[in-house]
């Protein structure tokens, strides 16, 4: 997921360090990979469940964190670097300024009770739809269950912008881009923005 607030970062430099939930990754371990973009087949079908919690999975998570930071994103799904597995990583603030860092393997989005379905209509962007943003209404609370890279069960919940990130990344792993949830007009506009823009990071050209 793209950071819709990227242009605000310079203005926030004087604020105190935010509270952090999770551990910062060791970026010496990973290698940045180029980002797949809309139209690449790996983005448009459900990814495979992870069944091997091994060194290869740990290395994938390392690469995903480095790739996400290289593209200045706040979340990244494995298929966004061409890997057909249900894994995503995140380093994303919520609306209270708390910074959430982590990864989820085989995520499943919890169904929300009706009382928690308060929609937040805010701009959303995606590293796989570079330079494009559109407003999209999503619930302002989300929780996913899954596993960590060692196979341990985990549950991650978030509000505001972080809730949007959790929903966005889980969508990726089931074959949906955020533009698939837009009206035809807004989807067309997002693709026009992408066509007119130039991404600041390496992407995989579609054949």
N, C-alpha and C. Protein backbone atom coordinates (compact mmCIF):
# COMPACT_ATOMS: atom_id res chain seq x y z
N UNK A 1 0.85 -1.19 0.00
CA UNK A 1 0.00 0.00 0.00
C UNK A 1 0.88 1.24 0.00
N UNK A 2 0.49 2.20 -0.79
CA UNK A 2 1.25 3.45 -0.87
C UNK A 2 0.94 4.32 0.33
N UNK A 3 1.88 5.17 0.69
CA UNK A 3 1.72 6.09 1.80
C UNK A 3 1.11 7.38 1.30
N UNK A 4 -0.19 7.55 1.55
CA UNK A 4 -0.89 8.74 1.06
C UNK A 4 -0.39 10.01 1.74
N UNK A 5 0.33 9.87 2.87
CA UNK A 5 0.81 11.03 3.61
C UNK A 5 2.27 11.33 3.32
N UNK A 6 2.85 10.70 2.28
CA UNK A 6 4.28 10.83 2.06
C UNK A 6 4.72 12.29 1.94
N UNK A 7 3.89 13.09 1.31
CA UNK A 7 4.27 14.48 1.10
C UNK A 7 4.26 15.29 2.39
N UNK A 8 3.65 14.72 3.45
CA UNK A 8 3.59 15.45 4.72
C UNK A 8 4.79 15.19 5.62
N UNK A 9 5.64 14.23 5.25
CA UNK A 9 6.67 13.79 6.18
C UNK A 9 7.59 14.92 6.64
N UNK A 10 7.95 15.82 5.74
CA UNK A 10 8.87 16.88 6.12
C UNK A 10 8.28 17.77 7.22
N UNK A 11 6.96 17.90 7.18
CA UNK A 11 6.31 18.76 8.16
C UNK A 11 6.25 18.09 9.53
N UNK A 12 6.42 16.76 9.59
CA UNK A 12 6.25 16.04 10.83
C UNK A 12 7.57 15.77 11.54
N UNK A 13 8.69 16.25 11.00
CA UNK A 13 10.00 15.90 11.54
C UNK A 13 10.19 16.35 12.98
N UNK A 14 9.47 17.40 13.39
CA UNK A 14 9.69 17.94 14.73
C UNK A 14 8.83 17.26 15.78
N UNK A 15 7.95 16.35 15.38
CA UNK A 15 7.10 15.68 16.35
C UNK A 15 7.90 14.60 17.07
N UNK A 16 7.49 14.23 18.29
CA UNK A 16 8.22 13.19 19.02
C UNK A 16 8.10 11.84 18.33
N UNK A 17 9.03 10.95 18.66
CA UNK A 17 8.99 9.61 18.08
C UNK A 17 7.67 8.93 18.45
N UNK A 18 7.00 8.31 17.49
CA UNK A 18 5.72 7.68 17.79
C UNK A 18 5.91 6.38 18.57
N UNK A 19 4.86 5.98 19.26
CA UNK A 19 4.84 4.66 19.89
C UNK A 19 4.91 3.60 18.80
N UNK A 20 5.66 2.53 19.05
CA UNK A 20 5.83 1.48 18.05
C UNK A 20 5.28 0.17 18.60
N UNK A 21 4.44 -0.49 17.81
CA UNK A 21 3.96 -1.83 18.12
C UNK A 21 4.62 -2.78 17.12
N UNK A 22 5.46 -3.68 17.63
CA UNK A 22 6.22 -4.57 16.75
C UNK A 22 7.69 -4.20 16.75
N UNK A 23 8.48 -4.97 16.02
CA UNK A 23 9.92 -4.76 15.97
C UNK A 23 10.36 -4.34 14.58
N UNK A 24 11.27 -3.38 14.53
CA UNK A 24 11.82 -2.97 13.25
C UNK A 24 12.63 -4.12 12.66
N UNK A 25 12.48 -4.37 11.36
CA UNK A 25 13.21 -5.48 10.75
C UNK A 25 14.69 -5.17 10.57
N UNK A 26 15.49 -6.22 10.45
CA UNK A 26 16.91 -6.08 10.16
C UNK A 26 17.07 -5.96 8.64
N UNK A 27 17.26 -4.74 8.18
CA UNK A 27 17.28 -4.48 6.75
C UNK A 27 18.57 -4.93 6.08
N UNK A 28 19.53 -5.41 6.86
CA UNK A 28 20.77 -5.93 6.26
C UNK A 28 20.56 -7.30 5.64
N UNK A 29 19.43 -7.93 5.94
CA UNK A 29 19.22 -9.31 5.49
C UNK A 29 18.52 -9.42 4.14
N UNK A 30 17.80 -8.40 3.73
CA UNK A 30 16.96 -8.53 2.55
C UNK A 30 17.51 -7.84 1.32
N UNK A 31 16.86 -8.12 0.20
CA UNK A 31 17.19 -7.51 -1.08
C UNK A 31 15.94 -6.92 -1.69
N UNK A 32 16.02 -5.68 -2.15
CA UNK A 32 14.86 -5.03 -2.77
C UNK A 32 14.56 -5.67 -4.12
N UNK A 33 13.29 -5.93 -4.34
CA UNK A 33 12.85 -6.48 -5.63
C UNK A 33 11.90 -5.49 -6.29
N UNK A 34 11.82 -5.51 -7.63
CA UNK A 34 10.90 -4.59 -8.31
C UNK A 34 9.44 -4.96 -8.03
N UNK A 35 8.57 -3.96 -8.17
CA UNK A 35 7.16 -4.11 -7.85
C UNK A 35 6.36 -4.48 -9.10
N UNK A 36 5.52 -5.51 -8.98
CA UNK A 36 4.60 -5.85 -10.07
C UNK A 36 3.47 -4.82 -10.09
N UNK A 37 2.95 -4.55 -11.28
CA UNK A 37 1.89 -3.55 -11.42
C UNK A 37 0.65 -4.18 -12.04
N UNK A 38 -0.47 -3.45 -11.88
CA UNK A 38 -1.76 -3.92 -12.36
C UNK A 38 -1.63 -4.46 -13.79
N UNK A 39 -2.24 -5.61 -14.02
CA UNK A 39 -2.11 -6.30 -15.30
C UNK A 39 -1.22 -7.52 -15.22
N UNK A 40 -0.31 -7.55 -14.25
CA UNK A 40 0.53 -8.73 -14.05
C UNK A 40 -0.34 -9.85 -13.49
N UNK A 41 -0.35 -11.04 -14.12
CA UNK A 41 -1.27 -12.10 -13.70
C UNK A 41 -1.20 -12.47 -12.22
N UNK A 42 -0.02 -12.38 -11.60
CA UNK A 42 0.12 -12.80 -10.21
C UNK A 42 -0.72 -11.95 -9.26
N UNK A 43 -1.11 -10.75 -9.70
CA UNK A 43 -1.91 -9.85 -8.87
C UNK A 43 -3.40 -10.13 -8.95
N UNK A 44 -3.80 -10.96 -9.90
CA UNK A 44 -5.23 -11.06 -10.21
C UNK A 44 -5.82 -12.43 -9.95
N UNK A 45 -5.18 -13.21 -9.08
CA UNK A 45 -5.78 -14.46 -8.62
C UNK A 45 -5.38 -14.70 -7.17
N UNK A 46 -6.12 -15.56 -6.48
CA UNK A 46 -5.80 -15.85 -5.08
C UNK A 46 -4.45 -16.54 -4.99
N UNK A 47 -3.63 -16.09 -4.06
CA UNK A 47 -2.31 -16.68 -3.86
C UNK A 47 -2.42 -18.02 -3.12
N UNK A 48 -1.34 -18.77 -3.16
CA UNK A 48 -1.29 -20.07 -2.49
C UNK A 48 -1.06 -19.89 -0.99
N UNK A 49 -1.66 -20.78 -0.22
CA UNK A 49 -1.39 -20.80 1.22
C UNK A 49 0.06 -21.18 1.46
N UNK A 50 0.66 -20.59 2.48
CA UNK A 50 2.00 -20.98 2.90
C UNK A 50 1.89 -22.24 3.75
N UNK A 51 2.67 -23.26 3.40
CA UNK A 51 2.67 -24.51 4.17
C UNK A 51 4.05 -24.82 4.77
N UNK A 52 5.10 -24.18 4.26
CA UNK A 52 6.46 -24.43 4.76
C UNK A 52 6.96 -23.18 5.50
N UNK A 53 7.12 -23.30 6.79
CA UNK A 53 7.61 -22.18 7.61
C UNK A 53 9.11 -22.40 7.83
N UNK A 54 9.86 -22.02 6.81
CA UNK A 54 11.27 -22.39 6.75
C UNK A 54 12.15 -21.17 6.46
N UNK A 55 13.42 -21.43 6.17
CA UNK A 55 14.36 -20.34 5.91
C UNK A 55 13.97 -19.56 4.65
N UNK A 56 13.38 -20.23 3.67
CA UNK A 56 12.96 -19.53 2.45
C UNK A 56 11.86 -18.51 2.76
N UNK A 57 10.94 -18.87 3.65
CA UNK A 57 9.88 -17.95 4.03
C UNK A 57 10.47 -16.76 4.79
N UNK A 58 11.39 -17.03 5.72
CA UNK A 58 12.03 -15.95 6.47
C UNK A 58 12.76 -15.00 5.53
N UNK A 59 13.44 -15.55 4.51
CA UNK A 59 14.16 -14.72 3.54
C UNK A 59 13.18 -13.89 2.71
N UNK A 60 12.03 -14.48 2.38
CA UNK A 60 11.01 -13.74 1.63
C UNK A 60 10.52 -12.55 2.45
N UNK A 61 10.25 -12.76 3.73
CA UNK A 61 9.80 -11.66 4.58
C UNK A 61 10.85 -10.56 4.64
N UNK A 62 12.13 -10.94 4.75
CA UNK A 62 13.21 -9.95 4.75
C UNK A 62 13.21 -9.14 3.45
N UNK A 63 13.09 -9.83 2.32
CA UNK A 63 13.07 -9.14 1.02
C UNK A 63 11.86 -8.22 0.90
N UNK A 64 10.73 -8.66 1.44
CA UNK A 64 9.52 -7.85 1.34
C UNK A 64 9.64 -6.56 2.13
N UNK A 65 10.22 -6.62 3.32
CA UNK A 65 10.42 -5.39 4.08
C UNK A 65 11.33 -4.42 3.33
N UNK A 66 12.45 -4.93 2.82
CA UNK A 66 13.39 -4.06 2.10
C UNK A 66 12.72 -3.48 0.85
N UNK A 67 11.95 -4.30 0.15
CA UNK A 67 11.25 -3.84 -1.06
C UNK A 67 10.22 -2.78 -0.73
N UNK A 68 9.49 -2.98 0.37
CA UNK A 68 8.48 -2.01 0.78
C UNK A 68 9.12 -0.66 1.11
N UNK A 69 10.21 -0.69 1.87
CA UNK A 69 10.87 0.57 2.23
C UNK A 69 11.48 1.24 0.99
N UNK A 70 12.03 0.44 0.07
CA UNK A 70 12.62 1.01 -1.15
C UNK A 70 11.58 1.75 -1.97
N UNK A 71 10.33 1.26 -1.92
CA UNK A 71 9.25 1.89 -2.67
C UNK A 71 8.49 2.92 -1.83
N UNK A 72 8.95 3.14 -0.58
CA UNK A 72 8.33 4.09 0.34
C UNK A 72 6.86 3.77 0.58
N UNK A 73 6.57 2.47 0.72
CA UNK A 73 5.22 2.05 1.02
C UNK A 73 5.03 1.80 2.50
N UNK A 74 3.78 1.55 2.90
CA UNK A 74 3.46 1.23 4.29
C UNK A 74 2.98 -0.21 4.44
N UNK A 75 2.82 -0.91 3.32
CA UNK A 75 2.43 -2.31 3.32
C UNK A 75 2.80 -2.93 1.99
N UNK A 76 3.06 -4.24 1.99
CA UNK A 76 3.42 -4.93 0.75
C UNK A 76 3.00 -6.39 0.84
N UNK A 77 2.33 -6.86 -0.19
CA UNK A 77 1.95 -8.27 -0.29
C UNK A 77 2.95 -9.01 -1.18
N UNK A 78 3.09 -10.32 -0.93
CA UNK A 78 4.11 -11.10 -1.64
C UNK A 78 3.92 -11.06 -3.16
N UNK A 79 2.67 -11.07 -3.62
CA UNK A 79 2.47 -11.06 -5.08
C UNK A 79 2.87 -9.73 -5.71
N UNK A 80 3.07 -8.71 -4.89
CA UNK A 80 3.55 -7.44 -5.43
C UNK A 80 5.04 -7.47 -5.78
N UNK A 81 5.74 -8.53 -5.34
CA UNK A 81 7.10 -8.76 -5.83
C UNK A 81 7.14 -10.09 -6.58
N UNK A 82 5.97 -10.50 -7.10
CA UNK A 82 5.91 -11.65 -8.00
C UNK A 82 5.87 -13.01 -7.34
N UNK A 83 5.66 -13.06 -6.02
CA UNK A 83 5.65 -14.34 -5.31
C UNK A 83 4.22 -14.75 -4.98
N UNK A 84 3.83 -15.93 -5.43
CA UNK A 84 2.46 -16.41 -5.31
C UNK A 84 2.24 -17.11 -3.97
N UNK A 85 2.36 -16.35 -2.88
CA UNK A 85 2.16 -16.89 -1.54
C UNK A 85 1.43 -15.87 -0.67
N UNK A 86 0.65 -16.35 0.29
CA UNK A 86 -0.13 -15.46 1.16
C UNK A 86 0.73 -14.94 2.30
N UNK A 87 1.42 -13.86 2.03
CA UNK A 87 2.25 -13.18 3.03
C UNK A 87 2.14 -11.68 2.79
N UNK A 88 2.02 -10.89 3.86
CA UNK A 88 2.21 -9.45 3.69
C UNK A 88 3.00 -8.90 4.86
N UNK A 89 3.66 -7.75 4.61
CA UNK A 89 4.40 -7.03 5.64
C UNK A 89 3.83 -5.62 5.73
N UNK A 90 4.09 -4.97 6.87
CA UNK A 90 3.58 -3.62 7.04
C UNK A 90 4.46 -2.84 8.00
N UNK A 91 4.50 -1.54 7.79
CA UNK A 91 5.06 -0.56 8.72
C UNK A 91 4.19 0.67 8.53
N UNK A 92 3.15 0.75 9.33
CA UNK A 92 2.04 1.66 9.02
C UNK A 92 1.54 2.35 10.28
N UNK A 93 1.30 3.66 10.22
CA UNK A 93 0.73 4.35 11.37
C UNK A 93 -0.79 4.21 11.41
N UNK A 94 -1.35 4.26 12.61
CA UNK A 94 -2.80 4.40 12.70
C UNK A 94 -3.13 5.88 12.87
N UNK A 95 -4.39 6.20 13.02
CA UNK A 95 -4.79 7.61 13.08
C UNK A 95 -4.44 8.27 14.41
N UNK A 96 -3.98 7.47 15.38
CA UNK A 96 -3.53 8.04 16.65
C UNK A 96 -2.01 8.22 16.67
N UNK A 97 -1.35 7.94 15.55
CA UNK A 97 0.09 8.13 15.46
C UNK A 97 0.92 6.97 15.96
N UNK A 98 0.27 5.85 16.29
CA UNK A 98 1.01 4.66 16.70
C UNK A 98 1.51 3.93 15.45
N UNK A 99 2.80 3.58 15.45
CA UNK A 99 3.42 2.92 14.31
C UNK A 99 3.37 1.39 14.51
N UNK A 100 2.79 0.70 13.54
CA UNK A 100 2.64 -0.75 13.61
C UNK A 100 3.57 -1.41 12.60
N UNK A 101 4.38 -2.37 13.06
CA UNK A 101 5.35 -3.05 12.20
C UNK A 101 5.17 -4.56 12.36
N UNK A 102 5.14 -5.28 11.24
CA UNK A 102 5.03 -6.73 11.36
C UNK A 102 4.76 -7.41 10.04
N UNK A 103 4.41 -8.67 10.13
CA UNK A 103 4.07 -9.46 8.95
C UNK A 103 2.97 -10.44 9.32
N UNK A 104 2.21 -10.88 8.33
CA UNK A 104 1.16 -11.87 8.54
C UNK A 104 1.24 -12.89 7.40
N UNK A 105 1.22 -14.16 7.78
CA UNK A 105 1.20 -15.26 6.83
C UNK A 105 -0.20 -15.88 6.84
N UNK A 106 -0.72 -16.18 5.66
CA UNK A 106 -2.06 -16.77 5.52
C UNK A 106 -3.13 -15.94 6.24
N UNK A 107 -3.19 -14.64 5.96
CA UNK A 107 -4.16 -13.80 6.68
C UNK A 107 -5.60 -14.07 6.27
N UNK A 108 -6.47 -13.98 7.25
CA UNK A 108 -7.91 -14.05 7.02
C UNK A 108 -8.53 -12.86 7.73
N UNK A 109 -9.28 -12.06 6.99
CA UNK A 109 -9.93 -10.88 7.56
C UNK A 109 -11.16 -11.31 8.35
N UNK A 110 -11.26 -10.87 9.58
CA UNK A 110 -12.41 -11.21 10.42
C UNK A 110 -13.65 -10.47 9.92
N UNK A 111 -14.78 -11.15 9.99
CA UNK A 111 -16.05 -10.50 9.67
C UNK A 111 -16.39 -9.52 10.80
N UNK A 112 -16.80 -8.34 10.43
CA UNK A 112 -17.13 -7.33 11.44
C UNK A 112 -18.60 -7.41 11.83
N UNK A 113 -18.88 -7.35 13.13
CA UNK A 113 -20.29 -7.21 13.52
C UNK A 113 -20.83 -5.88 13.02
N UNK A 114 -22.13 -5.83 12.81
CA UNK A 114 -22.75 -4.64 12.21
C UNK A 114 -22.39 -3.37 12.99
N UNK A 115 -22.27 -3.48 14.31
CA UNK A 115 -22.00 -2.31 15.12
C UNK A 115 -20.62 -1.71 14.92
N UNK A 116 -19.71 -2.48 14.31
CA UNK A 116 -18.35 -1.97 14.11
C UNK A 116 -18.11 -1.53 12.67
N UNK A 117 -19.12 -1.60 11.84
CA UNK A 117 -18.93 -1.26 10.44
C UNK A 117 -19.12 0.24 10.20
N UNK A 118 -18.25 1.03 10.77
CA UNK A 118 -18.23 2.46 10.51
C UNK A 118 -17.27 2.71 9.36
N UNK A 119 -17.78 3.29 8.28
CA UNK A 119 -16.96 3.45 7.08
C UNK A 119 -16.14 4.74 7.12
N UNK A 120 -14.93 4.62 6.62
CA UNK A 120 -14.01 5.75 6.49
C UNK A 120 -13.74 5.93 5.00
N UNK A 121 -14.17 7.06 4.47
CA UNK A 121 -14.01 7.34 3.04
C UNK A 121 -12.78 8.23 2.87
N UNK A 122 -11.63 7.61 2.61
CA UNK A 122 -10.37 8.35 2.54
C UNK A 122 -9.59 7.94 1.29
N UNK A 123 -8.59 8.74 0.91
CA UNK A 123 -7.79 8.39 -0.25
C UNK A 123 -7.01 7.10 -0.01
N UNK A 124 -6.88 6.31 -1.07
CA UNK A 124 -6.10 5.07 -0.99
C UNK A 124 -5.20 4.99 -2.21
N UNK A 125 -4.01 4.46 -2.01
CA UNK A 125 -3.06 4.27 -3.11
C UNK A 125 -2.44 2.90 -2.99
N UNK A 126 -1.75 2.48 -4.04
CA UNK A 126 -1.18 1.14 -4.09
C UNK A 126 0.12 1.17 -4.86
N UNK A 127 1.15 0.49 -4.32
CA UNK A 127 2.43 0.45 -5.03
C UNK A 127 2.29 -0.22 -6.40
N UNK A 128 1.27 -1.08 -6.57
CA UNK A 128 1.05 -1.75 -7.84
C UNK A 128 0.18 -0.95 -8.80
N UNK A 129 -0.28 0.22 -8.34
CA UNK A 129 -0.98 1.18 -9.21
C UNK A 129 -0.28 2.53 -8.97
N UNK A 130 1.00 2.61 -9.36
CA UNK A 130 1.83 3.74 -8.94
C UNK A 130 1.29 5.10 -9.38
N UNK A 131 1.45 6.06 -8.52
CA UNK A 131 1.13 7.49 -8.70
C UNK A 131 -0.36 7.78 -8.72
N UNK A 132 -1.22 6.80 -8.45
CA UNK A 132 -2.67 7.00 -8.49
C UNK A 132 -3.26 6.93 -7.09
N UNK A 133 -4.24 7.77 -6.84
CA UNK A 133 -4.98 7.76 -5.56
C UNK A 133 -6.46 7.99 -5.85
N UNK A 134 -7.31 7.29 -5.08
CA UNK A 134 -8.75 7.50 -5.17
C UNK A 134 -9.36 7.29 -3.79
N UNK A 135 -10.43 8.02 -3.51
CA UNK A 135 -11.16 7.79 -2.26
C UNK A 135 -11.87 6.44 -2.33
N UNK A 136 -11.79 5.68 -1.23
CA UNK A 136 -12.45 4.39 -1.15
C UNK A 136 -12.95 4.20 0.27
N UNK A 137 -14.24 3.91 0.41
CA UNK A 137 -14.83 3.69 1.73
C UNK A 137 -14.49 2.27 2.22
N UNK A 138 -13.88 2.21 3.41
CA UNK A 138 -13.61 0.92 4.06
C UNK A 138 -13.94 1.06 5.55
N UNK A 139 -14.23 -0.05 6.21
CA UNK A 139 -14.43 0.00 7.66
C UNK A 139 -13.20 0.59 8.35
N UNK A 140 -13.43 1.40 9.40
CA UNK A 140 -12.32 2.06 10.09
C UNK A 140 -11.71 1.19 11.19
N UNK A 141 -12.14 -0.08 11.24
CA UNK A 141 -11.54 -1.06 12.14
C UNK A 141 -11.38 -2.36 11.35
N UNK A 142 -10.28 -3.05 11.56
CA UNK A 142 -10.08 -4.35 10.90
C UNK A 142 -9.23 -5.23 11.79
N UNK A 143 -9.43 -6.53 11.68
CA UNK A 143 -8.61 -7.51 12.38
C UNK A 143 -8.36 -8.69 11.44
N UNK A 144 -7.13 -9.15 11.42
CA UNK A 144 -6.78 -10.33 10.63
C UNK A 144 -6.18 -11.37 11.56
N UNK A 145 -6.48 -12.63 11.27
CA UNK A 145 -5.83 -13.75 11.94
C UNK A 145 -4.93 -14.43 10.93
N UNK A 146 -3.91 -15.10 11.42
CA UNK A 146 -2.98 -15.79 10.53
C UNK A 146 -1.86 -16.39 11.35
N UNK A 147 -0.68 -16.41 10.75
CA UNK A 147 0.49 -16.97 11.41
C UNK A 147 1.67 -16.05 11.21
N UNK A 148 2.69 -16.20 12.06
CA UNK A 148 3.94 -15.52 11.80
C UNK A 148 4.84 -16.45 10.97
N UNK A 149 6.05 -15.99 10.66
CA UNK A 149 6.93 -16.76 9.78
C UNK A 149 7.42 -18.07 10.39
N UNK A 150 7.18 -18.22 11.71
CA UNK A 150 7.55 -19.47 12.38
C UNK A 150 6.36 -20.43 12.49
N UNK A 151 5.19 -19.98 12.02
CA UNK A 151 4.00 -20.82 12.09
C UNK A 151 3.15 -20.60 13.31
N UNK A 152 3.51 -19.66 14.17
CA UNK A 152 2.72 -19.40 15.37
C UNK A 152 1.46 -18.60 15.02
N UNK A 153 0.32 -18.92 15.63
CA UNK A 153 -0.90 -18.17 15.34
C UNK A 153 -0.80 -16.74 15.86
N UNK A 154 -1.29 -15.79 15.08
CA UNK A 154 -1.29 -14.39 15.48
C UNK A 154 -2.60 -13.74 15.09
N UNK A 155 -2.88 -12.62 15.74
CA UNK A 155 -4.03 -11.79 15.38
C UNK A 155 -3.58 -10.35 15.44
N UNK A 156 -3.88 -9.60 14.40
CA UNK A 156 -3.49 -8.19 14.32
C UNK A 156 -4.74 -7.37 14.08
N UNK A 157 -4.92 -6.32 14.87
CA UNK A 157 -6.07 -5.45 14.66
C UNK A 157 -5.62 -4.01 14.57
N UNK A 158 -6.42 -3.21 13.91
CA UNK A 158 -6.03 -1.82 13.74
C UNK A 158 -7.23 -0.93 13.45
N UNK A 159 -7.00 0.37 13.60
CA UNK A 159 -8.04 1.36 13.32
C UNK A 159 -7.51 2.36 12.30
N UNK A 160 -8.43 3.10 11.71
CA UNK A 160 -8.06 4.19 10.81
C UNK A 160 -7.21 3.73 9.64
N UNK A 161 -6.11 4.46 9.41
CA UNK A 161 -5.24 4.19 8.27
C UNK A 161 -4.65 2.79 8.34
N UNK A 162 -4.34 2.31 9.54
CA UNK A 162 -3.78 0.96 9.68
C UNK A 162 -4.84 -0.11 9.37
N UNK A 163 -6.09 0.15 9.75
CA UNK A 163 -7.17 -0.77 9.37
C UNK A 163 -7.28 -0.86 7.86
N UNK A 164 -7.16 0.28 7.20
CA UNK A 164 -7.19 0.31 5.73
C UNK A 164 -6.05 -0.53 5.16
N UNK A 165 -4.87 -0.41 5.75
CA UNK A 165 -3.71 -1.17 5.29
C UNK A 165 -3.95 -2.68 5.42
N UNK A 166 -4.47 -3.12 6.57
CA UNK A 166 -4.73 -4.54 6.78
C UNK A 166 -5.71 -5.09 5.75
N UNK A 167 -6.74 -4.32 5.46
CA UNK A 167 -7.73 -4.75 4.47
C UNK A 167 -7.13 -4.77 3.07
N UNK A 168 -6.37 -3.74 2.74
CA UNK A 168 -5.74 -3.58 1.43
C UNK A 168 -4.79 -4.74 1.14
N UNK A 169 -3.93 -5.07 2.11
CA UNK A 169 -2.94 -6.13 1.88
C UNK A 169 -3.58 -7.51 1.84
N UNK A 170 -4.57 -7.75 2.69
CA UNK A 170 -5.27 -9.03 2.63
C UNK A 170 -5.98 -9.18 1.29
N UNK A 171 -6.61 -8.11 0.81
CA UNK A 171 -7.23 -8.12 -0.52
C UNK A 171 -6.24 -8.60 -1.59
N UNK A 172 -5.03 -8.04 -1.56
CA UNK A 172 -4.02 -8.42 -2.55
C UNK A 172 -3.87 -9.93 -2.65
N UNK A 173 -3.82 -10.58 -1.50
CA UNK A 173 -3.49 -12.01 -1.48
C UNK A 173 -4.65 -12.87 -1.95
N UNK A 174 -5.82 -12.24 -2.09
CA UNK A 174 -6.98 -12.95 -2.65
C UNK A 174 -7.30 -12.46 -4.06
N UNK A 175 -6.35 -11.72 -4.66
CA UNK A 175 -6.47 -11.35 -6.07
C UNK A 175 -7.16 -10.04 -6.34
N UNK A 176 -7.34 -9.19 -5.31
CA UNK A 176 -8.04 -7.93 -5.51
C UNK A 176 -7.11 -6.74 -5.28
N UNK A 177 -7.15 -5.79 -6.22
CA UNK A 177 -6.52 -4.49 -6.03
C UNK A 177 -7.58 -3.51 -5.55
N UNK A 178 -7.13 -2.44 -4.90
CA UNK A 178 -8.14 -1.49 -4.39
C UNK A 178 -8.97 -0.91 -5.53
N UNK A 179 -8.38 -0.79 -6.72
CA UNK A 179 -9.15 -0.22 -7.83
C UNK A 179 -10.28 -1.14 -8.27
N UNK A 180 -10.21 -2.43 -7.91
CA UNK A 180 -11.31 -3.35 -8.22
C UNK A 180 -12.55 -3.04 -7.38
N UNK A 181 -12.40 -2.27 -6.32
CA UNK A 181 -13.52 -1.91 -5.45
C UNK A 181 -14.08 -0.52 -5.78
N UNK A 182 -13.52 0.12 -6.80
CA UNK A 182 -13.98 1.45 -7.20
C UNK A 182 -15.08 1.36 -8.25
N UNK A 183 -15.79 2.46 -8.43
CA UNK A 183 -16.72 2.56 -9.55
C UNK A 183 -15.93 2.52 -10.86
N UNK A 184 -16.59 2.21 -11.95
CA UNK A 184 -15.90 2.17 -13.25
C UNK A 184 -15.23 3.50 -13.57
N UNK A 185 -15.90 4.58 -13.23
CA UNK A 185 -15.35 5.91 -13.52
C UNK A 185 -14.09 6.17 -12.71
N UNK A 186 -14.15 5.86 -11.41
CA UNK A 186 -12.99 6.11 -10.56
C UNK A 186 -11.83 5.17 -10.89
N UNK A 187 -12.16 3.93 -11.25
CA UNK A 187 -11.10 3.00 -11.65
C UNK A 187 -10.40 3.52 -12.91
N UNK A 188 -11.19 4.00 -13.86
CA UNK A 188 -10.61 4.54 -15.09
C UNK A 188 -9.73 5.73 -14.79
N UNK A 189 -10.18 6.58 -13.85
CA UNK A 189 -9.38 7.75 -13.49
C UNK A 189 -8.07 7.34 -12.82
N UNK A 190 -8.12 6.32 -11.95
CA UNK A 190 -6.90 5.85 -11.30
C UNK A 190 -5.90 5.32 -12.33
N UNK A 191 -6.39 4.57 -13.30
CA UNK A 191 -5.50 4.04 -14.34
C UNK A 191 -4.94 5.16 -15.21
N UNK A 192 -5.73 6.22 -15.40
CA UNK A 192 -5.21 7.38 -16.14
C UNK A 192 -4.11 8.06 -15.36
N UNK A 193 -4.31 8.23 -14.03
CA UNK A 193 -3.26 8.81 -13.20
C UNK A 193 -1.97 7.99 -13.28
N UNK A 194 -2.13 6.66 -13.25
CA UNK A 194 -0.97 5.78 -13.34
C UNK A 194 -0.26 5.95 -14.68
N UNK A 195 -1.04 6.03 -15.75
CA UNK A 195 -0.45 6.17 -17.08
C UNK A 195 0.29 7.49 -17.23
N UNK A 196 -0.21 8.52 -16.55
CA UNK A 196 0.39 9.85 -16.66
C UNK A 196 1.59 10.04 -15.73
N UNK A 197 1.70 9.19 -14.73
CA UNK A 197 2.73 9.37 -13.72
C UNK A 197 3.97 8.52 -13.98
N UNK A 198 5.01 8.79 -13.21
CA UNK A 198 6.25 8.02 -13.28
C UNK A 198 6.59 7.55 -11.87
N UNK A 199 6.58 6.22 -11.63
CA UNK A 199 6.89 5.74 -10.29
C UNK A 199 8.32 6.05 -9.89
N UNK A 200 8.54 6.23 -8.58
CA UNK A 200 9.88 6.56 -8.06
C UNK A 200 10.68 5.29 -7.73
N UNK A 201 10.11 4.13 -8.01
CA UNK A 201 10.77 2.87 -7.65
C UNK A 201 10.71 1.92 -8.84
N UNK A 202 11.50 0.86 -8.77
CA UNK A 202 11.59 -0.10 -9.87
C UNK A 202 10.31 -0.93 -9.97
N UNK A 203 9.79 -1.07 -11.17
CA UNK A 203 8.62 -1.90 -11.41
C UNK A 203 8.93 -2.96 -12.47
N UNK A 204 8.09 -3.99 -12.49
CA UNK A 204 8.21 -5.05 -13.48
C UNK A 204 7.31 -4.69 -14.66
N UNK A 205 7.86 -4.51 -15.85
CA UNK A 205 7.01 -4.20 -16.99
C UNK A 205 6.11 -5.38 -17.35
N UNK A 206 4.86 -5.12 -17.70
CA UNK A 206 3.97 -6.18 -18.15
C UNK A 206 4.23 -6.47 -19.62
N UNK A 207 4.27 -7.75 -19.95
CA UNK A 207 4.50 -8.15 -21.36
C UNK A 207 3.32 -7.77 -22.22
